[in-house]
Amino acid sequence: MQPHTEPCPMCGKNKDEYERQREEREIKKKEMIAFIVGRRSVTLFSKRENEIFDAIYYLGIRDLQQVADNYGISYQAVQNYHDRAIDKLIDLDFEL
């Protein structure tokens, strides 16, 4: 889609507010679908994968280090659990 506004001279962005909100809604929609699919696959995920998935998609904690601190595990462990959960969703033919 071609932007219809000139880039901002200060930051270089060329999206108007409508386009930004539209992209934000698309991201939220994908997150909601991921959450619903994740709940359906509750028996597919391990307990820890469910906790990490809930923290990211249900509680909205985007900082993986904060998730790690909350559960007393390493940042790398959070990444690994999240990656495994996403791989399991992809195996269910779900696309993020």
PDB file of N, CA and C in Angstrom:
ATOM      1  N   MET A   1       0.834  -1.163   0.000  1.00  0.00           N
ATOM      2  CA  MET A   1       0.000   0.000   0.000  1.00  0.00           C
ATOM      3  C   MET A   1       0.886   1.236   0.000  1.00  0.00           C
ATOM      4  N   GLN A   2       0.654   2.119  -0.919  1.00  0.00           N
ATOM      5  CA  GLN A   2       1.430   3.344  -1.011  1.00  0.00           C
ATOM      6  C   GLN A   2       0.931   4.350   0.025  1.00  0.00           C
ATOM      7  N   PRO A   3       1.846   4.892   0.830  1.00  0.00           N
ATOM      8  CA  PRO A   3       1.413   5.906   1.787  1.00  0.00           C
ATOM      9  C   PRO A   3       1.002   7.179   1.054  1.00  0.00           C
ATOM     10  N   HIS A   4       0.024   7.841   1.591  1.00  0.00           N
ATOM     11  CA  HIS A   4      -0.472   9.055   0.963  1.00  0.00           C
ATOM     12  C   HIS A   4      -0.017  10.315   1.697  1.00  0.00           C
ATOM     13  N   THR A   5       0.915  10.136   2.614  1.00  0.00           N
ATOM     14  CA  THR A   5       1.454  11.273   3.338  1.00  0.00           C
ATOM     15  C   THR A   5       2.955  11.337   3.137  1.00  0.00           C
ATOM     16  N   GLU A   6       3.501  12.506   3.290  1.00  0.00           N
ATOM     17  CA  GLU A   6       4.944  12.688   3.185  1.00  0.00           C
ATOM     18  C   GLU A   6       5.610  12.203   4.468  1.00  0.00           C
ATOM     19  N   PRO A   7       6.831  11.699   4.373  1.00  0.00           N
ATOM     20  CA  PRO A   7       7.534  11.273   5.581  1.00  0.00           C
ATOM     21  C   PRO A   7       7.754  12.450   6.530  1.00  0.00           C
ATOM     22  N   CYS A   8       7.705  12.166   7.792  1.00  0.00           N
ATOM     23  CA  CYS A   8       7.960  13.168   8.810  1.00  0.00           C
ATOM     24  C   CYS A   8       9.411  13.620   8.686  1.00  0.00           C
ATOM     25  N   PRO A   9       9.668  14.912   8.645  1.00  0.00           N
ATOM     26  CA  PRO A   9      11.050  15.381   8.500  1.00  0.00           C
ATOM     27  C   PRO A   9      11.914  15.051   9.716  1.00  0.00           C
ATOM     28  N   MET A  10      11.294  14.806  10.873  1.00  0.00           N
ATOM     29  CA  MET A  10      12.075  14.534  12.077  1.00  0.00           C
ATOM     30  C   MET A  10      12.355  13.044  12.279  1.00  0.00           C
ATOM     31  N   CYS A  11      11.339  12.209  12.056  1.00  0.00           N
ATOM     32  CA  CYS A  11      11.519  10.778  12.341  1.00  0.00           C
ATOM     33  C   CYS A  11      11.519   9.910  11.087  1.00  0.00           C
ATOM     34  N   GLY A  12      11.051  10.442   9.964  1.00  0.00           N
ATOM     35  CA  GLY A  12      11.048   9.683   8.723  1.00  0.00           C
ATOM     36  C   GLY A  12       9.838   8.795   8.529  1.00  0.00           C
ATOM     37  N   LYS A  13       8.958   8.741   9.521  1.00  0.00           N
ATOM     38  CA  LYS A  13       7.760   7.907   9.398  1.00  0.00           C
ATOM     39  C   LYS A  13       6.779   8.575   8.447  1.00  0.00           C
ATOM     40  N   ASN A  14       6.054   7.753   7.698  1.00  0.00           N
ATOM     41  CA  ASN A  14       5.092   8.312   6.759  1.00  0.00           C
ATOM     42  C   ASN A  14       3.699   7.711   6.923  1.00  0.00           C
ATOM     43  N   LYS A  15       3.428   7.155   8.077  1.00  0.00           N
ATOM     44  CA  LYS A  15       2.110   6.578   8.327  1.00  0.00           C
ATOM     45  C   LYS A  15       1.234   7.615   9.019  1.00  0.00           C
ATOM     46  N   ASP A  16       0.014   7.696   8.582  1.00  0.00           N
ATOM     47  CA  ASP A  16      -0.895   8.571   9.297  1.00  0.00           C
ATOM     48  C   ASP A  16      -1.539   7.788  10.438  1.00  0.00           C
ATOM     49  N   GLU A  17      -2.306   8.450  11.254  1.00  0.00           N
ATOM     50  CA  GLU A  17      -2.901   7.841  12.437  1.00  0.00           C
ATOM     51  C   GLU A  17      -3.821   6.670  12.092  1.00  0.00           C
ATOM     52  N   TYR A  18      -4.575   6.796  11.015  1.00  0.00           N
ATOM     53  CA  TYR A  18      -5.481   5.722  10.601  1.00  0.00           C
ATOM     54  C   TYR A  18      -4.701   4.451  10.270  1.00  0.00           C
ATOM     55  N   GLU A  19      -3.638   4.586   9.505  1.00  0.00           N
ATOM     56  CA  GLU A  19      -2.837   3.416   9.124  1.00  0.00           C
ATOM     57  C   GLU A  19      -2.204   2.772  10.349  1.00  0.00           C
ATOM     58  N   ARG A  20      -1.736   3.598  11.287  1.00  0.00           N
ATOM     59  CA  ARG A  20      -1.126   3.075  12.500  1.00  0.00           C
ATOM     60  C   ARG A  20      -2.161   2.305  13.319  1.00  0.00           C
ATOM     61  N   GLN A  21      -3.366   2.857  13.467  1.00  0.00           N
ATOM     62  CA  GLN A  21      -4.422   2.180  14.217  1.00  0.00           C
ATOM     63  C   GLN A  21      -4.856   0.895  13.520  1.00  0.00           C
ATOM     64  N   ARG A  22      -4.885   0.910  12.222  1.00  0.00           N
ATOM     65  CA  ARG A  22      -5.270  -0.281  11.459  1.00  0.00           C
ATOM     66  C   ARG A  22      -4.271  -1.418  11.686  1.00  0.00           C
ATOM     67  N   GLU A  23      -2.988  -1.091  11.641  1.00  0.00           N
ATOM     68  CA  GLU A  23      -1.965  -2.105  11.891  1.00  0.00           C
ATOM     69  C   GLU A  23      -2.045  -2.616  13.326  1.00  0.00           C
ATOM     70  N   GLU A  24      -2.298  -1.708  14.257  1.00  0.00           N
ATOM     71  CA  GLU A  24      -2.422  -2.096  15.659  1.00  0.00           C
ATOM     72  C   GLU A  24      -3.596  -3.047  15.858  1.00  0.00           C
ATOM     73  N   ARG A  25      -4.724  -2.787  15.194  1.00  0.00           N
ATOM     74  CA  ARG A  25      -5.884  -3.678  15.283  1.00  0.00           C
ATOM     75  C   ARG A  25      -5.574  -5.054  14.710  1.00  0.00           C
ATOM     76  N   GLU A  26      -4.834  -5.098  13.612  1.00  0.00           N
ATOM     77  CA  GLU A  26      -4.455  -6.386  13.021  1.00  0.00           C
ATOM     78  C   GLU A  26      -3.595  -7.199  13.990  1.00  0.00           C
ATOM     79  N   ILE A  27      -2.670  -6.528  14.646  1.00  0.00           N
ATOM     80  CA  ILE A  27      -1.814  -7.215  15.615  1.00  0.00           C
ATOM     81  C   ILE A  27      -2.656  -7.736  16.775  1.00  0.00           C
ATOM     82  N   LYS A  28      -3.572  -6.915  17.286  1.00  0.00           N
ATOM     83  CA  LYS A  28      -4.443  -7.334  18.393  1.00  0.00           C
ATOM     84  C   LYS A  28      -5.323  -8.508  17.978  1.00  0.00           C
ATOM     85  N   LYS A  29      -5.805  -8.477  16.739  1.00  0.00           N
ATOM     86  CA  LYS A  29      -6.640  -9.571  16.235  1.00  0.00           C
ATOM     87  C   LYS A  29      -5.849 -10.881  16.217  1.00  0.00           C
ATOM     88  N   LYS A  30      -4.603 -10.823  15.734  1.00  0.00           N
ATOM     89  CA  LYS A  30      -3.765 -12.024  15.700  1.00  0.00           C
ATOM     90  C   LYS A  30      -3.469 -12.517  17.113  1.00  0.00           C
ATOM     91  N   GLU A  31      -3.245 -11.581  18.036  1.00  0.00           N
ATOM     92  CA  GLU A  31      -2.987 -11.974  19.416  1.00  0.00           C
ATOM     93  C   GLU A  31      -4.208 -12.662  20.026  1.00  0.00           C
ATOM     94  N   MET A  32      -5.385 -12.155  19.735  1.00  0.00           N
ATOM     95  CA  MET A  32      -6.609 -12.757  20.272  1.00  0.00           C
ATOM     96  C   MET A  32      -6.819 -14.160  19.697  1.00  0.00           C
ATOM     97  N   ILE A  33      -6.576 -14.305  18.415  1.00  0.00           N
ATOM     98  CA  ILE A  33      -6.699 -15.632  17.791  1.00  0.00           C
ATOM     99  C   ILE A  33      -5.679 -16.581  18.415  1.00  0.00           C
ATOM    100  N   ALA A  34      -4.458 -16.079  18.625  1.00  0.00           N
ATOM    101  CA  ALA A  34      -3.423 -16.906  19.248  1.00  0.00           C
ATOM    102  C   ALA A  34      -3.850 -17.340  20.641  1.00  0.00           C
ATOM    103  N   PHE A  35      -4.462 -16.417  21.381  1.00  0.00           N
ATOM    104  CA  PHE A  35      -4.909 -16.749  22.730  1.00  0.00           C
ATOM    105  C   PHE A  35      -5.998 -17.822  22.688  1.00  0.00           C
ATOM    106  N   ILE A  36      -6.969 -17.652  21.814  1.00  0.00           N
ATOM    107  CA  ILE A  36      -8.074 -18.616  21.706  1.00  0.00           C
ATOM    108  C   ILE A  36      -7.544 -19.991  21.307  1.00  0.00           C
ATOM    109  N   VAL A  37      -6.662 -20.016  20.308  1.00  0.00           N
ATOM    110  CA  VAL A  37      -6.076 -21.289  19.887  1.00  0.00           C
ATOM    111  C   VAL A  37      -5.249 -21.883  21.012  1.00  0.00           C
ATOM    112  N   GLY A  38      -4.539 -21.025  21.722  1.00  0.00           N
ATOM    113  CA  GLY A  38      -3.732 -21.489  22.852  1.00  0.00           C
ATOM    114  C   GLY A  38      -4.586 -22.127  23.929  1.00  0.00           C
ATOM    115  N   ARG A  39      -5.748 -21.559  24.201  1.00  0.00           N
ATOM    116  CA  ARG A  39      -6.654 -22.133  25.204  1.00  0.00           C
ATOM    117  C   ARG A  39      -7.197 -23.465  24.725  1.00  0.00           C
ATOM    118  N   ARG A  40      -7.437 -23.595  23.450  1.00  0.00           N
ATOM    119  CA  ARG A  40      -7.923 -24.870  22.923  1.00  0.00           C
ATOM    120  C   ARG A  40      -6.848 -25.942  22.990  1.00  0.00           C
ATOM    121  N   SER A  41      -5.604 -25.504  22.978  1.00  0.00           N
ATOM    122  CA  SER A  41      -4.509 -26.470  22.982  1.00  0.00           C
ATOM    123  C   SER A  41      -3.904 -26.614  24.377  1.00  0.00           C
ATOM    124  N   VAL A  42      -4.682 -26.301  25.407  1.00  0.00           N
ATOM    125  CA  VAL A  42      -4.160 -26.313  26.770  1.00  0.00           C
ATOM    126  C   VAL A  42      -3.561 -27.674  27.135  1.00  0.00           C
ATOM    127  N   THR A  43      -4.106 -28.734  26.602  1.00  0.00           N
ATOM    128  CA  THR A  43      -3.543 -30.051  26.893  1.00  0.00           C
ATOM    129  C   THR A  43      -2.292 -30.320  26.062  1.00  0.00           C
ATOM    130  N   LEU A  44      -2.114 -29.557  25.000  1.00  0.00           N
ATOM    131  CA  LEU A  44      -0.943 -29.715  24.151  1.00  0.00           C
ATOM    132  C   LEU A  44       0.286 -29.039  24.754  1.00  0.00           C
ATOM    133  N   PHE A  45       0.061 -27.928  25.468  1.00  0.00           N
ATOM    134  CA  PHE A  45       1.158 -27.170  26.072  1.00  0.00           C
ATOM    135  C   PHE A  45       1.530 -27.763  27.422  1.00  0.00           C
ATOM    136  N   SER A  46       2.801 -27.606  27.776  1.00  0.00           N
ATOM    137  CA  SER A  46       3.206 -27.955  29.137  1.00  0.00           C
ATOM    138  C   SER A  46       2.701 -26.860  30.077  1.00  0.00           C
ATOM    139  N   LYS A  47       2.774 -27.124  31.370  1.00  0.00           N
ATOM    140  CA  LYS A  47       2.325 -26.128  32.344  1.00  0.00           C
ATOM    141  C   LYS A  47       3.089 -24.813  32.159  1.00  0.00           C
ATOM    142  N   ARG A  48       4.394 -24.904  32.014  1.00  0.00           N
ATOM    143  CA  ARG A  48       5.217 -23.698  31.883  1.00  0.00           C
ATOM    144  C   ARG A  48       4.935 -22.976  30.563  1.00  0.00           C
ATOM    145  N   GLU A  49       4.735 -23.728  29.487  1.00  0.00           N
ATOM    146  CA  GLU A  49       4.397 -23.099  28.204  1.00  0.00           C
ATOM    147  C   GLU A  49       3.090 -22.331  28.316  1.00  0.00           C
ATOM    148  N   ASN A  50       2.107 -22.910  29.026  1.00  0.00           N
ATOM    149  CA  ASN A  50       0.843 -22.211  29.260  1.00  0.00           C
ATOM    150  C   ASN A  50       1.056 -20.935  30.062  1.00  0.00           C
ATOM    151  N   GLU A  51       1.882 -20.992  31.088  1.00  0.00           N
ATOM    152  CA  GLU A  51       2.154 -19.805  31.901  1.00  0.00           C
ATOM    153  C   GLU A  51       2.793 -18.694  31.074  1.00  0.00           C
ATOM    154  N   ILE A  52       3.772 -19.054  30.271  1.00  0.00           N
ATOM    155  CA  ILE A  52       4.466 -18.065  29.437  1.00  0.00           C
ATOM    156  C   ILE A  52       3.512 -17.513  28.387  1.00  0.00           C
ATOM    157  N   PHE A  53       2.750 -18.393  27.757  1.00  0.00           N
ATOM    158  CA  PHE A  53       1.795 -17.979  26.734  1.00  0.00           C
ATOM    159  C   PHE A  53       0.763 -17.012  27.321  1.00  0.00           C
ATOM    160  N   ASP A  54       0.244 -17.345  28.501  1.00  0.00           N
ATOM    161  CA  ASP A  54      -0.720 -16.471  29.172  1.00  0.00           C
ATOM    162  C   ASP A  54      -0.111 -15.124  29.519  1.00  0.00           C
ATOM    163  N   ALA A  55       1.108 -15.134  30.017  1.00  0.00           N
ATOM    164  CA  ALA A  55       1.760 -13.880  30.399  1.00  0.00           C
ATOM    165  C   ALA A  55       1.920 -12.957  29.195  1.00  0.00           C
ATOM    166  N   ILE A  56       2.279 -13.522  28.061  1.00  0.00           N
ATOM    167  CA  ILE A  56       2.523 -12.707  26.865  1.00  0.00           C
ATOM    168  C   ILE A  56       1.224 -12.291  26.199  1.00  0.00           C
ATOM    169  N   TYR A  57       0.316 -13.241  25.962  1.00  0.00           N
ATOM    170  CA  TYR A  57      -0.871 -12.938  25.163  1.00  0.00           C
ATOM    171  C   TYR A  57      -2.094 -12.543  25.986  1.00  0.00           C
ATOM    172  N   TYR A  58      -2.213 -13.022  27.212  1.00  0.00           N
ATOM    173  CA  TYR A  58      -3.383 -12.687  28.022  1.00  0.00           C
ATOM    174  C   TYR A  58      -3.099 -11.477  28.914  1.00  0.00           C
ATOM    175  N   LEU A  59      -1.977 -11.507  29.606  1.00  0.00           N
ATOM    176  CA  LEU A  59      -1.626 -10.396  30.484  1.00  0.00           C
ATOM    177  C   LEU A  59      -0.976  -9.243  29.727  1.00  0.00           C
ATOM    178  N   GLY A  60      -0.480  -9.523  28.518  1.00  0.00           N
ATOM    179  CA  GLY A  60       0.098  -8.467  27.692  1.00  0.00           C
ATOM    180  C   GLY A  60       1.486  -8.028  28.113  1.00  0.00           C
ATOM    181  N   ILE A  61       2.211  -8.879  28.802  1.00  0.00           N
ATOM    182  CA  ILE A  61       3.575  -8.530  29.212  1.00  0.00           C
ATOM    183  C   ILE A  61       4.495  -8.768  28.015  1.00  0.00           C
ATOM    184  N   ARG A  62       4.981  -7.702  27.423  1.00  0.00           N
ATOM    185  CA  ARG A  62       5.806  -7.811  26.223  1.00  0.00           C
ATOM    186  C   ARG A  62       7.293  -7.956  26.529  1.00  0.00           C
ATOM    187  N   ASP A  63       7.684  -7.579  27.718  1.00  0.00           N
ATOM    188  CA  ASP A  63       9.089  -7.658  28.108  1.00  0.00           C
ATOM    189  C   ASP A  63       9.377  -9.068  28.622  1.00  0.00           C
ATOM    190  N   LEU A  64      10.106  -9.840  27.827  1.00  0.00           N
ATOM    191  CA  LEU A  64      10.377 -11.227  28.204  1.00  0.00           C
ATOM    192  C   LEU A  64      11.215 -11.321  29.475  1.00  0.00           C
ATOM    193  N   GLN A  65      12.043 -10.316  29.734  1.00  0.00           N
ATOM    194  CA  GLN A  65      12.829 -10.318  30.967  1.00  0.00           C
ATOM    195  C   GLN A  65      11.907 -10.187  32.177  1.00  0.00           C
ATOM    196  N   GLN A  66      10.848  -9.401  32.042  1.00  0.00           N
ATOM    197  CA  GLN A  66       9.871  -9.264  33.135  1.00  0.00           C
ATOM    198  C   GLN A  66       9.147 -10.587  33.367  1.00  0.00           C
ATOM    199  N   VAL A  67       8.788 -11.267  32.287  1.00  0.00           N
ATOM    200  CA  VAL A  67       8.149 -12.582  32.415  1.00  0.00           C
ATOM    201  C   VAL A  67       9.100 -13.538  33.133  1.00  0.00           C
ATOM    202  N   ALA A  68      10.366 -13.510  32.736  1.00  0.00           N
ATOM    203  CA  ALA A  68      11.366 -14.377  33.369  1.00  0.00           C
ATOM    204  C   ALA A  68      11.483 -14.078  34.856  1.00  0.00           C
ATOM    205  N   ASP A  69      11.528 -12.803  35.205  1.00  0.00           N
ATOM    206  CA  ASP A  69      11.621 -12.413  36.617  1.00  0.00           C
ATOM    207  C   ASP A  69      10.387 -12.856  37.394  1.00  0.00           C
ATOM    208  N   ASN A  70       9.214 -12.728  36.789  1.00  0.00           N
ATOM    209  CA  ASN A  70       7.973 -13.117  37.463  1.00  0.00           C
ATOM    210  C   ASN A  70       7.937 -14.603  37.789  1.00  0.00           C
ATOM    211  N   TYR A  71       8.509 -15.424  36.908  1.00  0.00           N
ATOM    212  CA  TYR A  71       8.477 -16.877  37.119  1.00  0.00           C
ATOM    213  C   TYR A  71       9.780 -17.438  37.688  1.00  0.00           C
ATOM    214  N   GLY A  72      10.753 -16.566  37.910  1.00  0.00           N
ATOM    215  CA  GLY A  72      12.014 -17.012  38.497  1.00  0.00           C
ATOM    216  C   GLY A  72      12.815 -17.912  37.579  1.00  0.00           C
ATOM    217  N   ILE A  73      12.738 -17.647  36.277  1.00  0.00           N
ATOM    218  CA  ILE A  73      13.505 -18.419  35.301  1.00  0.00           C
ATOM    219  C   ILE A  73      14.317 -17.452  34.449  1.00  0.00           C
ATOM    220  N   SER A  74      15.174 -17.983  33.618  1.00  0.00           N
ATOM    221  CA  SER A  74      16.032 -17.126  32.794  1.00  0.00           C
ATOM    222  C   SER A  74      15.279 -16.593  31.572  1.00  0.00           C
ATOM    223  N   TYR A  75      15.825 -15.528  31.030  1.00  0.00           N
ATOM    224  CA  TYR A  75      15.281 -14.923  29.808  1.00  0.00           C
ATOM    225  C   TYR A  75      15.282 -15.949  28.678  1.00  0.00           C
ATOM    226  N   GLN A  76      16.372 -16.704  28.578  1.00  0.00           N
ATOM    227  CA  GLN A  76      16.493 -17.716  27.526  1.00  0.00           C
ATOM    228  C   GLN A  76      15.434 -18.802  27.681  1.00  0.00           C
ATOM    229  N   ALA A  77      15.125 -19.170  28.917  1.00  0.00           N
ATOM    230  CA  ALA A  77      14.085 -20.181  29.154  1.00  0.00           C
ATOM    231  C   ALA A  77      12.726 -19.667  28.676  1.00  0.00           C
ATOM    232  N   VAL A  78      12.434 -18.385  28.929  1.00  0.00           N
ATOM    233  CA  VAL A  78      11.168 -17.800  28.461  1.00  0.00           C
ATOM    234  C   VAL A  78      11.110 -17.865  26.945  1.00  0.00           C
ATOM    235  N   GLN A  79      12.203 -17.497  26.288  1.00  0.00           N
ATOM    236  CA  GLN A  79      12.245 -17.569  24.822  1.00  0.00           C
ATOM    237  C   GLN A  79      12.010 -18.992  24.342  1.00  0.00           C
ATOM    238  N   ASN A  80      12.643 -19.952  24.985  1.00  0.00           N
ATOM    239  CA  ASN A  80      12.494 -21.349  24.581  1.00  0.00           C
ATOM    240  C   ASN A  80      11.056 -21.844  24.765  1.00  0.00           C
ATOM    241  N   TYR A  81      10.446 -21.542  25.906  1.00  0.00           N
ATOM    242  CA  TYR A  81       9.056 -21.955  26.144  1.00  0.00           C
ATOM    243  C   TYR A  81       8.115 -21.299  25.144  1.00  0.00           C
ATOM    244  N   HIS A  82       8.325 -20.017  24.887  1.00  0.00           N
ATOM    245  CA  HIS A  82       7.476 -19.305  23.923  1.00  0.00           C
ATOM    246  C   HIS A  82       7.640 -19.911  22.529  1.00  0.00           C
ATOM    247  N   ASP A  83       8.881 -20.158  22.127  1.00  0.00           N
ATOM    248  CA  ASP A  83       9.135 -20.752  20.805  1.00  0.00           C
ATOM    249  C   ASP A  83       8.479 -22.124  20.679  1.00  0.00           C
ATOM    250  N   ARG A  84       8.571 -22.936  21.731  1.00  0.00           N
ATOM    251  CA  ARG A  84       7.946 -24.261  21.693  1.00  0.00           C
ATOM    252  C   ARG A  84       6.433 -24.155  21.564  1.00  0.00           C
ATOM    253  N   ALA A  85       5.842 -23.223  22.307  1.00  0.00           N
ATOM    254  CA  ALA A  85       4.386 -23.038  22.240  1.00  0.00           C
ATOM    255  C   ALA A  85       3.969 -22.596  20.838  1.00  0.00           C
ATOM    256  N   ILE A  86       4.713 -21.667  20.256  1.00  0.00           N
ATOM    257  CA  ILE A  86       4.395 -21.192  18.905  1.00  0.00           C
ATOM    258  C   ILE A  86       4.571 -22.321  17.901  1.00  0.00           C
ATOM    259  N   ASP A  87       5.626 -23.120  18.052  1.00  0.00           N
ATOM    260  CA  ASP A  87       5.821 -24.272  17.155  1.00  0.00           C
ATOM    261  C   ASP A  87       4.634 -25.229  17.244  1.00  0.00           C
ATOM    262  N   LYS A  88       4.121 -25.447  18.445  1.00  0.00           N
ATOM    263  CA  LYS A  88       2.973 -26.333  18.606  1.00  0.00           C
ATOM    264  C   LYS A  88       1.732 -25.743  17.944  1.00  0.00           C
ATOM    265  N   LEU A  89       1.570 -24.408  18.039  1.00  0.00           N
ATOM    266  CA  LEU A  89       0.444 -23.766  17.366  1.00  0.00           C
ATOM    267  C   LEU A  89       0.581 -23.894  15.860  1.00  0.00           C
ATOM    268  N   ILE A  90       1.775 -23.720  15.351  1.00  0.00           N
ATOM    269  CA  ILE A  90       2.005 -23.841  13.909  1.00  0.00           C
ATOM    270  C   ILE A  90       1.700 -25.263  13.450  1.00  0.00           C
ATOM    271  N   ASP A  91       2.029 -26.243  14.281  1.00  0.00           N
ATOM    272  CA  ASP A  91       1.701 -27.632  13.955  1.00  0.00           C
ATOM    273  C   ASP A  91       0.190 -27.846  13.876  1.00  0.00           C
ATOM    274  N   LEU A  92      -0.573 -26.968  14.533  1.00  0.00           N
ATOM    275  CA  LEU A  92      -2.036 -27.025  14.448  1.00  0.00           C
ATOM    276  C   LEU A  92      -2.558 -26.229  13.270  1.00  0.00           C
ATOM    277  N   ASP A  93      -1.665 -25.849  12.359  1.00  0.00           N
ATOM    278  CA  ASP A  93      -1.998 -25.033  11.182  1.00  0.00           C
ATOM    279  C   ASP A  93      -2.518 -23.659  11.551  1.00  0.00           C
ATOM    280  N   PHE A  94      -1.965 -23.093  12.586  1.00  0.00           N
ATOM    281  CA  PHE A  94      -2.311 -21.736  12.975  1.00  0.00           C
ATOM    282  C   PHE A  94      -1.186 -20.810  12.561  1.00  0.00           C
ATOM    283  N   GLU A  95      -1.535 -19.672  11.991  1.00  0.00           N
ATOM    284  CA  GLU A  95      -0.523 -18.708  11.571  1.00  0.00           C
ATOM    285  C   GLU A  95      -0.618 -17.468  12.423  1.00  0.00           C
ATOM    286  N   LEU A  96       0.532 -17.024  12.924  1.00  0.00           N
ATOM    287  CA  LEU A  96       0.586 -15.761  13.650  1.00  0.00           C
ATOM    288  C   LEU A  96       0.747 -14.627  12.691  1.00  0.00           C
TER     289      LEU A  96
END
